[in-house]
C-alpha atoms as a PDB file:
ATOM      1  CA  MET A   1    -122.361  79.142   1.060  1.00  0.00           C
ATOM      2  CA  GLU A   2    -121.820  80.935   4.660  1.00  0.00           C
ATOM      3  CA  LYS A   3    -125.144  82.784   4.668  1.00  0.00           C
ATOM      4  CA  LEU A   4    -128.359  82.817   2.457  1.00  0.00           C
ATOM      5  CA  PRO A   5    -128.224  85.269  -0.258  1.00  0.00           C
ATOM      6  CA  LYS A   6    -130.424  88.363  -0.067  1.00  0.00           C
ATOM      7  CA  SER A   7    -133.647  88.020  -2.094  1.00  0.00           C
ATOM      8  CA  LYS A   8    -134.585  90.391  -4.749  1.00  0.00           C
ATOM      9  CA  ASN A   9    -137.896  90.933  -2.935  1.00  0.00           C
ATOM     10  CA  PRO A  10    -137.776  91.878   0.648  1.00  0.00           C
ATOM     11  CA  ILE A  11    -140.704  89.536   1.489  1.00  0.00           C
ATOM     12  CA  GLY A  12    -139.038  86.402   0.215  1.00  0.00           C
ATOM     13  CA  TYR A  13    -137.509  84.293  -2.625  1.00  0.00           C
ATOM     14  CA  THR A  14    -138.980  83.456  -5.863  1.00  0.00           C
ATOM     15  CA  LYS A  15    -139.031  79.866  -6.923  1.00  0.00           C
ATOM     16  CA  VAL A  16    -136.114  80.645  -9.257  1.00  0.00           C
ATOM     17  CA  GLU A  17    -134.104  82.029  -6.304  1.00  0.00           C
ATOM     18  CA  LEU A  18    -134.995  79.232  -4.204  1.00  0.00           C
ATOM     19  CA  GLN A  19    -134.107  76.763  -6.760  1.00  0.00           C
ATOM     20  CA  ALA A  20    -130.585  78.406  -7.364  1.00  0.00           C
ATOM     21  CA  ILE A  21    -130.079  78.049  -3.401  1.00  0.00           C
ATOM     22  CA  LEU A  22    -131.041  74.435  -3.477  1.00  0.00           C
ATOM     23  CA  LYS A  23    -128.682  73.668  -6.544  1.00  0.00           C
ATOM     24  CA  GLU A  24    -125.756  75.158  -4.615  1.00  0.00           C
ATOM     25  CA  LEU A  25    -126.483  73.210  -1.626  1.00  0.00           C
ATOM     26  CA  LYS A  26    -127.104  70.204  -3.480  1.00  0.00           C
ATOM     27  CA  ILE A  27    -130.479  69.588  -2.042  1.00  0.00           C
ATOM     28  CA  LYS A  28    -133.178  68.031  -4.166  1.00  0.00           C
ATOM     29  CA  TYR A  29    -136.451  70.332  -4.382  1.00  0.00           C
ATOM     30  CA  SER A  30    -138.555  67.296  -3.429  1.00  0.00           C
ATOM     31  CA  ILE A  31    -136.693  67.047   0.009  1.00  0.00           C
ATOM     32  CA  PHE A  32    -136.928  70.788   0.545  1.00  0.00           C
ATOM     33  CA  SER A  33    -140.552  70.659  -0.265  1.00  0.00           C
ATOM     34  CA  LYS A  34    -141.358  67.950   2.204  1.00  0.00           C
ATOM     35  CA  ALA A  35    -139.417  69.732   5.002  1.00  0.00           C
ATOM     36  CA  PHE A  36    -141.304  73.138   4.018  1.00  0.00           C
ATOM     37  CA  GLY A  37    -144.586  71.454   4.277  1.00  0.00           C
ATOM     38  CA  ILE A  38    -147.706  73.476   4.003  1.00  0.00           C
ATOM     39  CA  ASN A  39    -146.995  77.140   4.778  1.00  0.00           C
ATOM     40  CA  THR A  40    -148.331  80.482   3.673  1.00  0.00           C
ATOM     41  CA  CYS A  41    -146.537  82.214   0.766  1.00  0.00           C
ATOM     42  CA  SER A  42    -147.052  85.541  -0.892  1.00  0.00           C
ATOM     43  CA  LEU A  43    -147.066  86.855  -4.410  1.00  0.00           C
ATOM     44  CA  ASN A  44    -145.132  89.385  -6.234  1.00  0.00           C
ATOM     45  CA  GLU A  45    -146.499  91.910  -8.599  1.00  0.00           C
ATOM     46  CA  LYS A  46    -145.913  89.288 -11.443  1.00  0.00           C
ATOM     47  CA  GLY A  47    -147.866  86.685  -9.694  1.00  0.00           C
ATOM     48  CA  GLU A  48    -145.007  84.584  -8.943  1.00  0.00           C
ATOM     49  CA  THR A  49    -144.794  82.787  -5.498  1.00  0.00           C
ATOM     50  CA  LEU A  50    -142.606  84.212  -2.779  1.00  0.00           C
ATOM     51  CA  TYR A  51    -141.349  81.929  -0.207  1.00  0.00           C
ATOM     52  CA  TYR A  52    -140.880  83.666   3.167  1.00  0.00           C
ATOM     53  CA  HIS A  53    -137.302  83.961   4.576  1.00  0.00           C
ATOM     54  CA  CYS A  54    -138.268  82.463   7.956  1.00  0.00           C
ATOM     55  CA  ASP A  55    -139.888  79.409   6.245  1.00  0.00           C
ATOM     56  CA  VAL A  56    -137.099  78.784   3.957  1.00  0.00           C
ATOM     57  CA  GLU A  57    -134.779  78.878   7.033  1.00  0.00           C
ATOM     58  CA  ARG A  58    -136.926  76.672   8.942  1.00  0.00           C
ATOM     59  CA  ALA A  59    -137.163  73.965   6.255  1.00  0.00           C
ATOM     60  CA  LEU A  60    -133.213  74.106   5.864  1.00  0.00           C
ATOM     61  CA  TRP A  61    -133.101  73.436   9.738  1.00  0.00           C
ATOM     62  CA  ILE A  62    -135.385  70.629   9.551  1.00  0.00           C
ATOM     63  CA  ILE A  63    -133.314  69.040   6.741  1.00  0.00           C
ATOM     64  CA  GLY A  64    -130.202  69.386   8.708  1.00  0.00           C
ATOM     65  CA  ASN A  65    -128.481  72.385   7.581  1.00  0.00           C
ATOM     66  CA  LYS A  66    -127.917  74.231  10.974  1.00  0.00           C
ATOM     67  CA  LEU A  67    -125.474  76.720   9.428  1.00  0.00           C
ATOM     68  CA  LEU A  68    -128.174  78.256   7.144  1.00  0.00           C
ATOM     69  CA  GLY A  69    -131.235  76.941   8.607  1.00  0.00           C
ATOM     70  CA  ARG A  70    -132.906  78.388  11.862  1.00  0.00           C
ATOM     71  CA  HIS A  71    -135.425  76.862  14.340  1.00  0.00           C
ATOM     72  CA  ARG A  72    -138.694  79.094  14.541  1.00  0.00           C
ATOM     73  CA  MET A  73    -141.197  78.144  17.355  1.00  0.00           C
ATOM     74  CA  TRP A  74    -144.233  79.670  15.388  1.00  0.00           C
ATOM     75  CA  ASP A  75    -144.060  76.947  12.673  1.00  0.00           C
END
C-alpha cells in the first residue's frame, strides 16, 4: 500500500474500512488501538464511528509506519 485509501465519508474511516487497512498492513487492531489512544471520533448518519484521517495517520506513525503515517503536533 503506497498511500491510505480514500474513505467513503470525507470525515474519516468507518471501523470496517479501518480494519481492512490494518489487515492489509498486517497490523493487529489491539496494537493500532493502543497507538490511537484516546481521541475524539465522529459518527456518520448510520451511527457508525468515524476515525478521523489525521488520527489514523498519527497512530500509524507511532506504530512505526513512516510511509503511511504522519506526525501531528496537535495530538
